[in-house]
N, C-alpha and C. Protein backbone atom coordinates (compact mmCIF):
# COMPACT_ATOMS: atom_id res chain seq x y z
N MET A 1 126.13 49.17 117.79
CA MET A 1 125.56 48.01 117.07
C MET A 1 126.69 47.02 116.85
N THR A 2 126.58 45.80 117.13
CA THR A 2 127.69 44.79 116.82
C THR A 2 127.86 44.49 115.34
N ASP A 3 128.90 43.96 115.10
CA ASP A 3 129.12 43.51 113.62
C ASP A 3 128.13 42.45 113.16
N HIS A 4 127.76 41.64 114.08
CA HIS A 4 126.74 40.58 113.77
C HIS A 4 125.51 41.12 113.40
N GLU A 5 125.06 42.16 114.30
CA GLU A 5 123.71 42.82 113.96
C GLU A 5 123.78 43.57 112.61
N LEU A 6 125.00 44.17 112.38
CA LEU A 6 124.97 44.93 111.02
C LEU A 6 124.86 43.98 109.95
N ARG A 7 125.71 42.82 109.97
CA ARG A 7 125.63 41.80 108.96
C ARG A 7 124.15 41.29 108.73
N LYS A 8 123.53 41.14 109.86
CA LYS A 8 122.14 40.63 109.83
C LYS A 8 121.21 41.71 109.10
N GLN A 9 121.24 43.00 109.36
CA GLN A 9 120.58 43.96 108.69
C GLN A 9 121.10 43.98 107.18
N ALA A 10 122.25 43.89 106.87
CA ALA A 10 122.79 43.94 105.61
C ALA A 10 122.18 42.82 104.59
N HIS A 11 121.76 41.76 105.23
CA HIS A 11 121.41 40.58 104.31
C HIS A 11 120.22 41.01 103.34
N ASP A 12 119.31 41.80 103.84
CA ASP A 12 118.09 42.15 103.03
C ASP A 12 118.31 43.43 102.27
N LEU A 13 119.45 44.09 102.37
CA LEU A 13 119.73 45.29 101.64
C LEU A 13 119.73 44.96 100.06
N ASP A 14 119.34 45.99 99.27
CA ASP A 14 119.49 45.95 97.78
C ASP A 14 120.79 46.67 97.58
N VAL A 15 121.48 46.25 96.50
CA VAL A 15 122.75 47.02 96.14
C VAL A 15 122.34 48.29 95.57
N THR A 16 123.05 49.42 96.06
CA THR A 16 122.64 50.67 95.57
C THR A 16 123.80 51.40 94.96
N VAL A 17 124.97 50.84 95.03
CA VAL A 17 126.18 51.33 94.37
C VAL A 17 126.87 50.29 93.59
N TRP A 18 127.17 50.58 92.35
CA TRP A 18 127.80 49.62 91.43
C TRP A 18 129.22 50.20 91.01
N VAL A 19 130.22 49.48 91.14
CA VAL A 19 131.59 49.91 90.78
C VAL A 19 131.86 49.23 89.55
N GLY A 20 132.00 50.02 88.36
CA GLY A 20 132.41 49.46 87.09
C GLY A 20 133.61 49.87 86.50
N LYS A 21 133.79 50.04 85.26
CA LYS A 21 135.00 50.21 84.64
C LYS A 21 135.50 51.60 84.95
N SER A 22 134.68 52.58 85.37
CA SER A 22 135.11 53.85 85.71
C SER A 22 135.88 53.92 86.99
N GLY A 23 135.78 52.85 87.82
CA GLY A 23 136.57 52.64 88.94
C GLY A 23 135.99 53.27 90.19
N LEU A 24 136.82 53.25 91.27
CA LEU A 24 136.38 53.64 92.70
C LEU A 24 136.04 55.06 92.67
N GLU A 25 136.83 55.94 92.02
CA GLU A 25 136.68 57.45 92.09
C GLU A 25 135.39 57.81 91.63
N ALA A 26 134.84 57.13 90.66
CA ALA A 26 133.55 57.55 90.10
C ALA A 26 132.39 57.31 91.16
N VAL A 27 132.56 56.49 92.09
CA VAL A 27 131.43 56.19 93.06
C VAL A 27 131.71 56.68 94.45
N THR A 28 132.84 57.21 94.78
CA THR A 28 133.22 57.61 96.15
C THR A 28 132.21 58.66 96.71
N ASP A 29 132.04 59.64 95.84
CA ASP A 29 131.04 60.73 96.44
C ASP A 29 129.68 60.24 96.62
N GLU A 30 129.21 59.44 95.67
CA GLU A 30 127.84 58.79 95.73
C GLU A 30 127.76 58.06 97.02
N LEU A 31 128.72 57.19 97.33
CA LEU A 31 128.72 56.29 98.54
C LEU A 31 128.65 57.17 99.74
N ALA A 32 129.43 58.20 99.76
CA ALA A 32 129.50 59.07 100.92
C ALA A 32 128.16 59.72 101.07
N ASP A 33 127.46 60.14 100.12
CA ASP A 33 126.21 60.78 100.18
C ASP A 33 125.15 59.75 100.71
N GLN A 34 125.20 58.59 100.18
CA GLN A 34 124.20 57.53 100.57
C GLN A 34 124.49 57.30 102.18
N LEU A 35 125.69 57.22 102.47
CA LEU A 35 126.06 56.94 103.95
C LEU A 35 125.56 57.90 104.95
N GLN A 36 125.30 59.20 104.39
CA GLN A 36 124.68 60.24 105.17
C GLN A 36 123.26 60.00 105.42
N ASP A 37 122.53 59.41 104.48
CA ASP A 37 121.17 59.08 104.53
C ASP A 37 120.75 57.70 105.17
N ARG A 38 121.69 56.74 105.17
CA ARG A 38 121.32 55.51 105.67
C ARG A 38 122.62 54.91 106.42
N LYS A 39 122.37 53.90 107.25
CA LYS A 39 123.43 53.37 108.13
C LYS A 39 124.26 52.38 107.26
N LEU A 40 123.77 51.60 106.47
CA LEU A 40 124.48 50.63 105.60
C LEU A 40 124.20 50.82 104.09
N VAL A 41 125.26 50.55 103.34
CA VAL A 41 125.11 50.62 101.83
C VAL A 41 125.87 49.41 101.24
N LYS A 42 125.18 48.71 100.49
CA LYS A 42 125.62 47.60 99.73
C LYS A 42 126.24 47.89 98.42
N VAL A 43 127.55 47.55 98.09
CA VAL A 43 128.19 47.86 96.94
C VAL A 43 128.60 46.62 96.17
N LYS A 44 128.35 46.64 94.86
CA LYS A 44 128.61 45.49 94.11
C LYS A 44 129.85 45.93 93.11
N PHE A 45 130.86 45.13 93.01
CA PHE A 45 132.07 45.25 92.20
C PHE A 45 131.99 44.49 91.00
N LEU A 46 131.63 45.19 89.86
CA LEU A 46 131.49 44.43 88.57
C LEU A 46 132.84 43.89 88.12
N ARG A 47 132.87 42.89 87.21
CA ARG A 47 134.10 42.38 86.69
C ARG A 47 134.99 43.48 86.13
N ALA A 48 134.47 44.50 85.47
CA ALA A 48 135.33 45.51 84.88
C ALA A 48 136.11 46.29 85.85
N ALA A 49 135.63 46.39 87.05
CA ALA A 49 136.28 47.19 88.19
C ALA A 49 137.27 46.25 88.85
N ARG A 50 137.14 44.94 88.88
CA ARG A 50 137.89 44.10 89.66
C ARG A 50 139.30 43.85 89.05
N GLY A 51 139.32 43.55 87.74
CA GLY A 51 140.56 43.31 87.17
C GLY A 51 141.29 42.05 87.86
N THR A 52 142.46 42.31 88.33
CA THR A 52 143.19 41.30 89.04
C THR A 52 143.02 41.46 90.58
N ARG A 53 142.48 42.39 91.03
CA ARG A 53 142.27 42.78 92.46
C ARG A 53 141.01 42.09 93.08
N ASP A 54 141.04 41.79 94.39
CA ASP A 54 139.93 41.02 94.93
C ASP A 54 138.94 41.97 95.66
N THR A 55 137.89 41.48 95.92
CA THR A 55 136.73 42.32 96.58
C THR A 55 137.28 42.97 97.82
N ASP A 56 137.89 42.30 98.67
CA ASP A 56 138.36 42.90 100.04
C ASP A 56 139.26 43.95 99.81
N GLU A 57 140.13 43.91 98.80
CA GLU A 57 141.07 45.06 98.63
C GLU A 57 140.45 46.20 98.14
N LEU A 58 139.50 45.98 97.16
CA LEU A 58 138.64 47.10 96.51
C LEU A 58 137.74 47.81 97.60
N ALA A 59 137.16 46.91 98.39
CA ALA A 59 136.28 47.45 99.46
C ALA A 59 136.95 48.22 100.49
N ASP A 60 138.21 47.82 100.85
CA ASP A 60 139.04 48.64 101.85
C ASP A 60 139.40 50.07 101.24
N GLU A 61 139.76 49.93 100.01
CA GLU A 61 140.18 51.17 99.31
C GLU A 61 139.08 52.14 99.13
N LEU A 62 137.83 51.61 98.79
CA LEU A 62 136.61 52.49 98.68
C LEU A 62 136.17 53.00 100.11
N ALA A 63 136.29 52.21 101.06
CA ALA A 63 135.88 52.62 102.41
C ALA A 63 136.70 53.76 102.88
N GLU A 64 138.13 53.54 102.68
CA GLU A 64 139.22 54.64 103.08
C GLU A 64 138.66 55.98 102.38
N ALA A 65 138.44 55.77 101.04
CA ALA A 65 138.16 57.13 100.26
C ALA A 65 136.95 57.77 100.62
N ALA A 66 135.96 57.02 101.18
CA ALA A 66 134.70 57.56 101.50
C ALA A 66 134.46 57.83 103.02
N ASN A 67 135.59 57.57 103.77
CA ASN A 67 135.52 57.64 105.24
C ASN A 67 134.53 56.82 105.81
N ALA A 68 134.52 55.46 105.41
CA ALA A 68 133.60 54.57 105.87
C ALA A 68 134.24 53.28 106.42
N GLU A 69 133.56 52.35 106.91
CA GLU A 69 134.07 51.10 107.32
C GLU A 69 133.53 49.91 106.67
N VAL A 70 134.16 48.89 106.33
CA VAL A 70 133.76 47.70 105.73
C VAL A 70 133.08 46.83 106.81
N VAL A 71 131.82 46.45 106.62
CA VAL A 71 131.06 45.55 107.58
C VAL A 71 131.41 44.12 107.13
N GLU A 72 131.34 43.76 105.87
CA GLU A 72 131.55 42.50 105.32
C GLU A 72 131.74 42.60 103.85
N THR A 73 132.37 41.56 103.39
CA THR A 73 132.54 41.26 101.97
C THR A 73 132.02 39.87 101.70
N ARG A 74 131.30 39.61 100.73
CA ARG A 74 130.90 38.31 100.27
C ARG A 74 130.68 38.20 98.79
N GLY A 75 131.49 37.32 98.23
CA GLY A 75 131.49 37.28 96.74
C GLY A 75 132.15 38.70 96.13
N ASN A 76 131.29 39.25 95.22
CA ASN A 76 131.68 40.48 94.63
C ASN A 76 131.00 41.71 95.20
N THR A 77 130.43 41.45 96.41
CA THR A 77 129.60 42.54 97.13
C THR A 77 130.24 42.84 98.38
N ALA A 78 130.12 44.19 98.85
CA ALA A 78 130.55 44.57 100.09
C ALA A 78 129.60 45.45 100.77
N VAL A 79 129.49 45.39 102.11
CA VAL A 79 128.57 46.24 102.74
C VAL A 79 129.46 47.14 103.70
N LEU A 80 129.21 48.54 103.44
CA LEU A 80 129.95 49.60 104.23
C LEU A 80 128.95 50.35 105.17
N THR A 81 129.55 50.90 106.20
CA THR A 81 128.81 51.68 107.20
C THR A 81 129.63 52.94 107.44
């Protein structure tokens, strides 16, 4: 499936993983579990998790930790596969 098709599918997804003040480590296993059950997972990075870092940086780090790939980031949200 192309990136364009994945982004199109991601548009209607609900956020199912929220990254807050507990950081990326707190959601890595949950994300990995969700990716076993579905192709795409939408992740929201709350202000407490971002600090001075941007969403792209956090999404890349989370994807690496969960053995996933970033499909896109938009605002404070990322879609991973």
